[in-house]
Amino acid sequence: MDREALFTVVKRVLVEQFEVDEQRITVDTQLYDELDIDSIDAVDLLVRIKELTGKKILPEDFQEVRTIGDVLNRLTNV
Protein backbone atom coordinates (compact mmCIF):
# COMPACT_ATOMS: atom_id res chain seq x y z
CA MET A 1 0.00 0.00 0.00
CA ASP A 2 1.48 3.35 -0.99
CA ARG A 3 1.45 6.52 1.09
CA GLU A 4 -1.59 8.01 -0.68
CA ALA A 5 -3.64 4.84 -0.13
CA LEU A 6 -2.62 4.82 3.54
CA PHE A 7 -3.64 8.47 3.86
CA THR A 8 -7.05 7.58 2.42
CA VAL A 9 -7.45 4.79 5.00
CA VAL A 10 -6.39 7.00 7.92
CA LYS A 11 -8.72 9.76 6.75
CA ARG A 12 -11.61 7.29 6.41
CA VAL A 13 -11.07 5.98 9.94
CA LEU A 14 -10.95 9.49 11.39
CA VAL A 15 -14.14 10.49 9.58
CA GLU A 16 -16.12 7.32 10.27
CA GLN A 17 -14.94 6.38 13.74
CA PHE A 18 -14.13 9.76 15.27
CA GLU A 19 -16.55 11.95 13.29
CA VAL A 20 -13.80 14.32 12.19
CA ASP A 21 -14.71 16.70 9.37
CA GLU A 22 -12.80 15.46 6.32
CA GLN A 23 -11.84 19.04 5.41
CA ARG A 24 -9.77 19.27 8.60
CA ILE A 25 -7.59 16.29 7.67
CA THR A 26 -4.24 16.95 6.02
CA VAL A 27 -0.83 15.36 6.50
CA ASP A 28 0.07 18.30 8.77
CA THR A 29 -3.00 18.00 11.00
CA GLN A 30 -2.10 17.56 14.68
CA LEU A 31 -3.86 14.49 16.09
CA TYR A 32 -3.97 15.60 19.70
CA ASP A 33 -4.14 19.39 19.43
CA GLU A 34 -6.37 19.83 16.39
CA LEU A 35 -8.46 16.65 16.35
CA ASP A 36 -8.68 16.08 20.11
CA ILE A 37 -7.53 12.47 19.80
CA ASP A 38 -6.69 11.12 23.26
CA SER A 39 -4.61 8.05 24.17
CA ILE A 40 -7.61 5.68 24.11
CA ASP A 41 -8.67 7.07 20.72
CA ALA A 42 -5.10 6.56 19.48
CA VAL A 43 -5.26 2.86 20.40
CA ASP A 44 -8.61 2.55 18.61
CA LEU A 45 -7.11 4.29 15.59
CA LEU A 46 -4.15 1.89 15.52
CA VAL A 47 -6.39 -1.16 15.81
CA ARG A 48 -8.65 -0.01 12.98
CA ILE A 49 -5.70 0.87 10.72
CA LYS A 50 -4.25 -2.59 11.31
CA GLU A 51 -7.60 -4.21 10.47
CA LEU A 52 -7.82 -2.28 7.20
CA THR A 53 -4.17 -2.37 6.08
CA GLY A 54 -2.51 -5.25 7.92
CA LYS A 55 0.14 -2.77 9.07
CA LYS A 56 0.86 -2.49 12.78
CA ILE A 57 2.38 0.42 14.64
CA LEU A 58 3.63 -0.51 18.09
CA PRO A 59 2.17 1.65 20.86
CA GLU A 60 5.65 2.70 21.98
CA ASP A 61 6.40 3.88 18.42
CA PHE A 62 3.13 5.80 18.36
CA GLN A 63 4.15 7.88 21.39
CA GLU A 64 6.28 10.12 19.16
CA VAL A 65 3.51 10.59 16.58
CA ARG A 66 2.01 14.07 16.51
CA THR A 67 0.63 14.57 12.99
CA ILE A 68 -1.15 12.47 10.41
CA GLY A 69 2.07 12.66 8.40
CA ASP A 70 3.88 11.02 11.34
CA VAL A 71 1.31 8.20 11.24
CA LEU A 72 1.94 7.74 7.53
CA ASN A 73 5.70 7.74 8.07
CA ARG A 74 5.36 5.00 10.67
CA LEU A 75 3.07 2.96 8.43
CA THR A 76 5.39 3.19 5.44
CA ASN A 77 8.32 2.06 7.60
CA VAL A 78 6.49 -1.00 8.94
PDB file of N, CA and C in Angstrom:
ATOM      1  N   MET A   1       0.850  -1.175   0.000  1.00  0.00           N
ATOM      2  CA  MET A   1       0.000   0.000   0.000  1.00  0.00           C
ATOM      3  C   MET A   1       0.897   1.240   0.000  1.00  0.00           C
ATOM      4  N   ASP A   2       0.650   2.153  -0.942  1.00  0.00           N
ATOM      5  CA  ASP A   2       1.476   3.353  -0.992  1.00  0.00           C
ATOM      6  C   ASP A   2       0.972   4.405  -0.004  1.00  0.00           C
ATOM      7  N   ARG A   3       1.740   5.476   0.106  1.00  0.00           N
ATOM      8  CA  ARG A   3       1.449   6.516   1.093  1.00  0.00           C
ATOM      9  C   ARG A   3       0.070   7.151   0.866  1.00  0.00           C
ATOM     10  N   GLU A   4      -0.292   7.392  -0.378  1.00  0.00           N
ATOM     11  CA  GLU A   4      -1.585   8.011  -0.685  1.00  0.00           C
ATOM     12  C   GLU A   4      -2.744   7.098  -0.276  1.00  0.00           C
ATOM     13  N   ALA A   5      -2.597   5.801  -0.526  1.00  0.00           N
ATOM     14  CA  ALA A   5      -3.637   4.840  -0.130  1.00  0.00           C
ATOM     15  C   ALA A   5      -3.745   4.775   1.391  1.00  0.00           C
ATOM     16  N   LEU A   6      -2.610   4.818   2.070  1.00  0.00           N
ATOM     17  CA  LEU A   6      -2.621   4.815   3.535  1.00  0.00           C
ATOM     18  C   LEU A   6      -3.292   6.078   4.076  1.00  0.00           C
ATOM     19  N   PHE A   7      -3.007   7.221   3.444  1.00  0.00           N
ATOM     20  CA  PHE A   7      -3.637   8.473   3.859  1.00  0.00           C
ATOM     21  C   PHE A   7      -5.156   8.367   3.721  1.00  0.00           C
ATOM     22  N   THR A   8      -5.623   7.765   2.641  1.00  0.00           N
ATOM     23  CA  THR A   8      -7.055   7.580   2.421  1.00  0.00           C
ATOM     24  C   THR A   8      -7.661   6.721   3.527  1.00  0.00           C
ATOM     25  N   VAL A   9      -6.966   5.659   3.925  1.00  0.00           N
ATOM     26  CA  VAL A   9      -7.449   4.785   4.999  1.00  0.00           C
ATOM     27  C   VAL A   9      -7.509   5.542   6.320  1.00  0.00           C
ATOM     28  N   VAL A  10      -6.440   6.253   6.654  1.00  0.00           N
ATOM     29  CA  VAL A  10      -6.393   6.999   7.917  1.00  0.00           C
ATOM     30  C   VAL A  10      -7.508   8.046   7.938  1.00  0.00           C
ATOM     31  N   LYS A  11      -7.670   8.746   6.828  1.00  0.00           N
ATOM     32  CA  LYS A  11      -8.724   9.760   6.745  1.00  0.00           C
ATOM     33  C   LYS A  11     -10.098   9.120   6.939  1.00  0.00           C
ATOM     34  N   ARG A  12     -10.321   7.987   6.289  1.00  0.00           N
ATOM     35  CA  ARG A  12     -11.606   7.292   6.405  1.00  0.00           C
ATOM     36  C   ARG A  12     -11.902   6.898   7.852  1.00  0.00           C
ATOM     37  N   VAL A  13     -10.893   6.375   8.545  1.00  0.00           N
ATOM     38  CA  VAL A  13     -11.072   5.981   9.943  1.00  0.00           C
ATOM     39  C   VAL A  13     -11.403   7.197  10.800  1.00  0.00           C
ATOM     40  N   LEU A  14     -10.692   8.287  10.592  1.00  0.00           N
ATOM     41  CA  LEU A  14     -10.948   9.490  11.386  1.00  0.00           C
ATOM     42  C   LEU A  14     -12.353  10.034  11.144  1.00  0.00           C
ATOM     43  N   VAL A  15     -12.806   9.994   9.913  1.00  0.00           N
ATOM     44  CA  VAL A  15     -14.140  10.493   9.583  1.00  0.00           C
ATOM     45  C   VAL A  15     -15.218   9.572  10.134  1.00  0.00           C
ATOM     46  N   GLU A  16     -15.074   8.269   9.887  1.00  0.00           N
ATOM     47  CA  GLU A  16     -16.122   7.322  10.267  1.00  0.00           C
ATOM     48  C   GLU A  16     -16.142   7.013  11.763  1.00  0.00           C
ATOM     49  N   GLN A  17     -14.986   6.819  12.342  1.00  0.00           N
ATOM     50  CA  GLN A  17     -14.945   6.375  13.735  1.00  0.00           C
ATOM     51  C   GLN A  17     -14.915   7.538  14.729  1.00  0.00           C
ATOM     52  N   PHE A  18     -14.293   8.642  14.330  1.00  0.00           N
ATOM     53  CA  PHE A  18     -14.134   9.757  15.272  1.00  0.00           C
ATOM     54  C   PHE A  18     -14.919  10.999  14.859  1.00  0.00           C
ATOM     55  N   GLU A  19     -15.691  10.881  13.765  1.00  0.00           N
ATOM     56  CA  GLU A  19     -16.551  11.950  13.290  1.00  0.00           C
ATOM     57  C   GLU A  19     -15.812  13.263  13.065  1.00  0.00           C
ATOM     58  N   VAL A  20     -14.604  13.152  12.517  1.00  0.00           N
ATOM     59  CA  VAL A  20     -13.801  14.324  12.186  1.00  0.00           C
ATOM     60  C   VAL A  20     -14.243  14.816  10.803  1.00  0.00           C
ATOM     61  N   ASP A  21     -14.380  16.118  10.659  1.00  0.00           N
ATOM     62  CA  ASP A  21     -14.712  16.703   9.368  1.00  0.00           C
ATOM     63  C   ASP A  21     -13.546  16.461   8.406  1.00  0.00           C
ATOM     64  N   GLU A  22     -13.845  15.839   7.284  1.00  0.00           N
ATOM     65  CA  GLU A  22     -12.804  15.464   6.321  1.00  0.00           C
ATOM     66  C   GLU A  22     -11.973  16.664   5.868  1.00  0.00           C
ATOM     67  N   GLN A  23     -12.556  17.831   5.829  1.00  0.00           N
ATOM     68  CA  GLN A  23     -11.844  19.043   5.409  1.00  0.00           C
ATOM     69  C   GLN A  23     -10.728  19.429   6.371  1.00  0.00           C
ATOM     70  N   ARG A  24     -10.789  18.948   7.585  1.00  0.00           N
ATOM     71  CA  ARG A  24      -9.773  19.271   8.598  1.00  0.00           C
ATOM     72  C   ARG A  24      -8.555  18.348   8.511  1.00  0.00           C
ATOM     73  N   ILE A  25      -8.623  17.324   7.679  1.00  0.00           N
ATOM     74  CA  ILE A  25      -7.588  16.295   7.672  1.00  0.00           C
ATOM     75  C   ILE A  25      -6.594  16.527   6.543  1.00  0.00           C
ATOM     76  N   THR A  26      -5.365  16.847   6.944  1.00  0.00           N
ATOM     77  CA  THR A  26      -4.235  16.950   6.018  1.00  0.00           C
ATOM     78  C   THR A  26      -3.071  16.198   6.650  1.00  0.00           C
ATOM     79  N   VAL A  27      -1.981  16.058   5.921  1.00  0.00           N
ATOM     80  CA  VAL A  27      -0.826  15.359   6.503  1.00  0.00           C
ATOM     81  C   VAL A  27      -0.224  16.158   7.653  1.00  0.00           C
ATOM     82  N   ASP A  28      -0.482  17.464   7.700  1.00  0.00           N
ATOM     83  CA  ASP A  28       0.073  18.302   8.769  1.00  0.00           C
ATOM     84  C   ASP A  28      -0.851  18.453   9.971  1.00  0.00           C
ATOM     85  N   THR A  29      -2.037  17.885   9.909  1.00  0.00           N
ATOM     86  CA  THR A  29      -3.002  17.999  11.001  1.00  0.00           C
ATOM     87  C   THR A  29      -2.464  17.328  12.264  1.00  0.00           C
ATOM     88  N   GLN A  30      -2.532  18.051  13.378  1.00  0.00           N
ATOM     89  CA  GLN A  30      -2.101  17.555  14.676  1.00  0.00           C
ATOM     90  C   GLN A  30      -3.201  16.679  15.267  1.00  0.00           C
ATOM     91  N   LEU A  31      -2.866  15.416  15.556  1.00  0.00           N
ATOM     92  CA  LEU A  31      -3.860  14.486  16.092  1.00  0.00           C
ATOM     93  C   LEU A  31      -4.414  14.948  17.433  1.00  0.00           C
ATOM     94  N   TYR A  32      -3.540  15.301  18.336  1.00  0.00           N
ATOM     95  CA  TYR A  32      -3.969  15.601  19.699  1.00  0.00           C
ATOM     96  C   TYR A  32      -4.493  17.026  19.831  1.00  0.00           C
ATOM     97  N   ASP A  33      -3.773  17.980  19.262  1.00  0.00           N
ATOM     98  CA  ASP A  33      -4.136  19.386  19.434  1.00  0.00           C
ATOM     99  C   ASP A  33      -5.304  19.820  18.561  1.00  0.00           C
ATOM    100  N   GLU A  34      -5.335  19.374  17.304  1.00  0.00           N
ATOM    101  CA  GLU A  34      -6.375  19.835  16.389  1.00  0.00           C
ATOM    102  C   GLU A  34      -7.586  18.904  16.319  1.00  0.00           C
ATOM    103  N   LEU A  35      -7.354  17.602  16.472  1.00  0.00           N
ATOM    104  CA  LEU A  35      -8.458  16.652  16.347  1.00  0.00           C
ATOM    105  C   LEU A  35      -8.943  16.105  17.684  1.00  0.00           C
ATOM    106  N   ASP A  36      -8.289  16.516  18.767  1.00  0.00           N
ATOM    107  CA  ASP A  36      -8.678  16.084  20.111  1.00  0.00           C
ATOM    108  C   ASP A  36      -8.666  14.567  20.277  1.00  0.00           C
ATOM    109  N   ILE A  37      -7.715  13.913  19.631  1.00  0.00           N
ATOM    110  CA  ILE A  37      -7.534  12.466  19.802  1.00  0.00           C
ATOM    111  C   ILE A  37      -6.813  12.253  21.129  1.00  0.00           C
ATOM    112  N   ASP A  38      -7.372  11.421  21.995  1.00  0.00           N
ATOM    113  CA  ASP A  38      -6.693  11.117  23.260  1.00  0.00           C
ATOM    114  C   ASP A  38      -6.014   9.755  23.148  1.00  0.00           C
ATOM    115  N   SER A  39      -5.391   9.292  24.224  1.00  0.00           N
ATOM    116  CA  SER A  39      -4.615   8.050  24.170  1.00  0.00           C
ATOM    117  C   SER A  39      -5.492   6.829  23.874  1.00  0.00           C
ATOM    118  N   ILE A  40      -6.700   6.806  24.386  1.00  0.00           N
ATOM    119  CA  ILE A  40      -7.608   5.682  24.105  1.00  0.00           C
ATOM    120  C   ILE A  40      -8.041   5.723  22.637  1.00  0.00           C
ATOM    121  N   ASP A  41      -8.335   6.916  22.134  1.00  0.00           N
ATOM    122  CA  ASP A  41      -8.672   7.070  20.720  1.00  0.00           C
ATOM    123  C   ASP A  41      -7.508   6.617  19.841  1.00  0.00           C
ATOM    124  N   ALA A  42      -6.286   6.936  20.257  1.00  0.00           N
ATOM    125  CA  ALA A  42      -5.105   6.556  19.476  1.00  0.00           C
ATOM    126  C   ALA A  42      -5.000   5.042  19.355  1.00  0.00           C
ATOM    127  N   VAL A  43      -5.286   4.330  20.439  1.00  0.00           N
ATOM    128  CA  VAL A  43      -5.261   2.864  20.397  1.00  0.00           C
ATOM    129  C   VAL A  43      -6.335   2.359  19.443  1.00  0.00           C
ATOM    130  N   ASP A  44      -7.535   2.930  19.526  1.00  0.00           N
ATOM    131  CA  ASP A  44      -8.613   2.548  18.609  1.00  0.00           C
ATOM    132  C   ASP A  44      -8.225   2.820  17.162  1.00  0.00           C
ATOM    133  N   LEU A  45      -7.571   3.939  16.926  1.00  0.00           N
ATOM    134  CA  LEU A  45      -7.108   4.290  15.587  1.00  0.00           C
ATOM    135  C   LEU A  45      -6.109   3.262  15.068  1.00  0.00           C
ATOM    136  N   LEU A  46      -5.155   2.882  15.916  1.00  0.00           N
ATOM    137  CA  LEU A  46      -4.152   1.887  15.522  1.00  0.00           C
ATOM    138  C   LEU A  46      -4.779   0.535  15.205  1.00  0.00           C
ATOM    139  N   VAL A  47      -5.721   0.122  16.024  1.00  0.00           N
ATOM    140  CA  VAL A  47      -6.392  -1.165  15.810  1.00  0.00           C
ATOM    141  C   VAL A  47      -7.136  -1.152  14.483  1.00  0.00           C
ATOM    142  N   ARG A  48      -7.867  -0.091  14.219  1.00  0.00           N
ATOM    143  CA  ARG A  48      -8.649  -0.012  12.979  1.00  0.00           C
ATOM    144  C   ARG A  48      -7.744   0.056  11.753  1.00  0.00           C
ATOM    145  N   ILE A  49      -6.652   0.806  11.841  1.00  0.00           N
ATOM    146  CA  ILE A  49      -5.704   0.873  10.722  1.00  0.00           C
ATOM    147  C   ILE A  49      -5.123  -0.510  10.447  1.00  0.00           C
ATOM    148  N   LYS A  50      -4.792  -1.239  11.495  1.00  0.00           N
ATOM    149  CA  LYS A  50      -4.245  -2.589  11.311  1.00  0.00           C
ATOM    150  C   LYS A  50      -5.276  -3.500  10.649  1.00  0.00           C
ATOM    151  N   GLU A  51      -6.535  -3.392  11.069  1.00  0.00           N
ATOM    152  CA  GLU A  51      -7.600  -4.209  10.470  1.00  0.00           C
ATOM    153  C   GLU A  51      -7.730  -3.932   8.971  1.00  0.00           C
ATOM    154  N   LEU A  52      -7.596  -2.673   8.586  1.00  0.00           N
ATOM    155  CA  LEU A  52      -7.816  -2.279   7.196  1.00  0.00           C
ATOM    156  C   LEU A  52      -6.589  -2.450   6.306  1.00  0.00           C
ATOM    157  N   THR A  53      -5.388  -2.357   6.905  1.00  0.00           N
ATOM    158  CA  THR A  53      -4.170  -2.374   6.085  1.00  0.00           C
ATOM    159  C   THR A  53      -3.264  -3.567   6.359  1.00  0.00           C
ATOM    160  N   GLY A  54      -3.433  -4.179   7.533  1.00  0.00           N
ATOM    161  CA  GLY A  54      -2.510  -5.246   7.920  1.00  0.00           C
ATOM    162  C   GLY A  54      -1.209  -4.717   8.482  1.00  0.00           C
ATOM    163  N   LYS A  55      -1.072  -3.392   8.556  1.00  0.00           N
ATOM    164  CA  LYS A  55       0.144  -2.771   9.074  1.00  0.00           C
ATOM    165  C   LYS A  55      -0.056  -2.413  10.544  1.00  0.00           C
ATOM    166  N   LYS A  56       0.952  -2.717  11.337  1.00  0.00           N
ATOM    167  CA  LYS A  56       0.857  -2.493  12.776  1.00  0.00           C
ATOM    168  C   LYS A  56       1.912  -1.488  13.218  1.00  0.00           C
ATOM    169  N   ILE A  57       1.466  -0.518  13.999  1.00  0.00           N
ATOM    170  CA  ILE A  57       2.381   0.419  14.645  1.00  0.00           C
ATOM    171  C   ILE A  57       2.377   0.058  16.119  1.00  0.00           C
ATOM    172  N   LEU A  58       3.534  -0.185  16.668  1.00  0.00           N
ATOM    173  CA  LEU A  58       3.630  -0.505  18.087  1.00  0.00           C
ATOM    174  C   LEU A  58       3.267   0.723  18.918  1.00  0.00           C
ATOM    175  N   PRO A  59       2.561   0.513  20.023  1.00  0.00           N
ATOM    176  CA  PRO A  59       2.166   1.650  20.861  1.00  0.00           C
ATOM    177  C   PRO A  59       3.350   2.517  21.281  1.00  0.00           C
ATOM    178  N   GLU A  60       4.484   1.901  21.575  1.00  0.00           N
ATOM    179  CA  GLU A  60       5.646   2.699  21.983  1.00  0.00           C
ATOM    180  C   GLU A  60       6.179   3.549  20.831  1.00  0.00           C
ATOM    181  N   ASP A  61       6.010   3.085  19.583  1.00  0.00           N
ATOM    182  CA  ASP A  61       6.400   3.885  18.425  1.00  0.00           C
ATOM    183  C   ASP A  61       5.411   5.018  18.185  1.00  0.00           C
ATOM    184  N   PHE A  62       4.174   4.805  18.573  1.00  0.00           N
ATOM    185  CA  PHE A  62       3.131   5.804  18.363  1.00  0.00           C
ATOM    186  C   PHE A  62       3.261   6.981  19.323  1.00  0.00           C
ATOM    187  N   GLN A  63       4.004   6.808  20.401  1.00  0.00           N
ATOM    188  CA  GLN A  63       4.154   7.877  21.392  1.00  0.00           C
ATOM    189  C   GLN A  63       4.791   9.133  20.804  1.00  0.00           C
ATOM    190  N   GLU A  64       5.609   8.972  19.774  1.00  0.00           N
ATOM    191  CA  GLU A  64       6.281  10.118  19.158  1.00  0.00           C
ATOM    192  C   GLU A  64       5.461  10.738  18.032  1.00  0.00           C
ATOM    193  N   VAL A  65       4.350  10.116  17.669  1.00  0.00           N
ATOM    194  CA  VAL A  65       3.506  10.586  16.581  1.00  0.00           C
ATOM    195  C   VAL A  65       2.726  11.821  17.031  1.00  0.00           C
ATOM    196  N   ARG A  66       2.753  12.856  16.211  1.00  0.00           N
ATOM    197  CA  ARG A  66       2.008  14.075  16.510  1.00  0.00           C
ATOM    198  C   ARG A  66       1.045  14.451  15.387  1.00  0.00           C
ATOM    199  N   THR A  67       1.440  14.177  14.141  1.00  0.00           N
ATOM    200  CA  THR A  67       0.629  14.567  12.989  1.00  0.00           C
ATOM    201  C   THR A  67       0.188  13.339  12.198  1.00  0.00           C
ATOM    202  N   ILE A  68      -0.735  13.557  11.295  1.00  0.00           N
ATOM    203  CA  ILE A  68      -1.150  12.468  10.407  1.00  0.00           C
ATOM    204  C   ILE A  68       0.026  12.049   9.536  1.00  0.00           C
ATOM    205  N   GLY A  69       0.864  12.987   9.157  1.00  0.00           N
ATOM    206  CA  GLY A  69       2.073  12.661   8.404  1.00  0.00           C
ATOM    207  C   GLY A  69       2.977  11.724   9.178  1.00  0.00           C
ATOM    208  N   ASP A  70       3.082  11.920  10.488  1.00  0.00           N
ATOM    209  CA  ASP A  70       3.877  11.020  11.336  1.00  0.00           C
ATOM    210  C   ASP A  70       3.297   9.609  11.304  1.00  0.00           C
ATOM    211  N   VAL A  71       1.971   9.511  11.331  1.00  0.00           N
ATOM    212  CA  VAL A  71       1.312   8.204  11.242  1.00  0.00           C
ATOM    213  C   VAL A  71       1.690   7.539   9.922  1.00  0.00           C
ATOM    214  N   LEU A  72       1.600   8.280   8.843  1.00  0.00           N
ATOM    215  CA  LEU A  72       1.935   7.743   7.527  1.00  0.00           C
ATOM    216  C   LEU A  72       3.390   7.316   7.449  1.00  0.00           C
ATOM    217  N   ASN A  73       4.286   8.096   8.049  1.00  0.00           N
ATOM    218  CA  ASN A  73       5.701   7.742   8.069  1.00  0.00           C
ATOM    219  C   ASN A  73       5.910   6.421   8.805  1.00  0.00           C
ATOM    220  N   ARG A  74       5.247   6.253   9.911  1.00  0.00           N
ATOM    221  CA  ARG A  74       5.362   4.995  10.670  1.00  0.00           C
ATOM    222  C   ARG A  74       4.808   3.834   9.866  1.00  0.00           C
ATOM    223  N   LEU A  75       3.680   4.042   9.201  1.00  0.00           N
ATOM    224  CA  LEU A  75       3.065   2.963   8.427  1.00  0.00           C
ATOM    225  C   LEU A  75       3.909   2.567   7.212  1.00  0.00           C
ATOM    226  N   THR A  76       4.567   3.523   6.611  1.00  0.00           N
ATOM    227  CA  THR A  76       5.394   3.193   5.441  1.00  0.00           C
ATOM    228  C   THR A  76       6.717   2.559   5.836  1.00  0.00           C
ATOM    229  N   ASN A  77       7.084   2.679   7.102  1.00  0.00           N
ATOM    230  CA  ASN A  77       8.322   2.062   7.598  1.00  0.00           C
ATOM    231  C   ASN A  77       8.083   0.743   8.284  1.00  0.00           C
ATOM    232  N   VAL A  78       6.824   0.272   8.281  1.00  0.00           N
ATOM    233  CA  VAL A  78       6.490  -0.996   8.942  1.00  0.00           C
ATOM    234  C   VAL A  78       6.853  -2.136   8.013  1.00  0.00           C
TER     235      VAL A  78
END
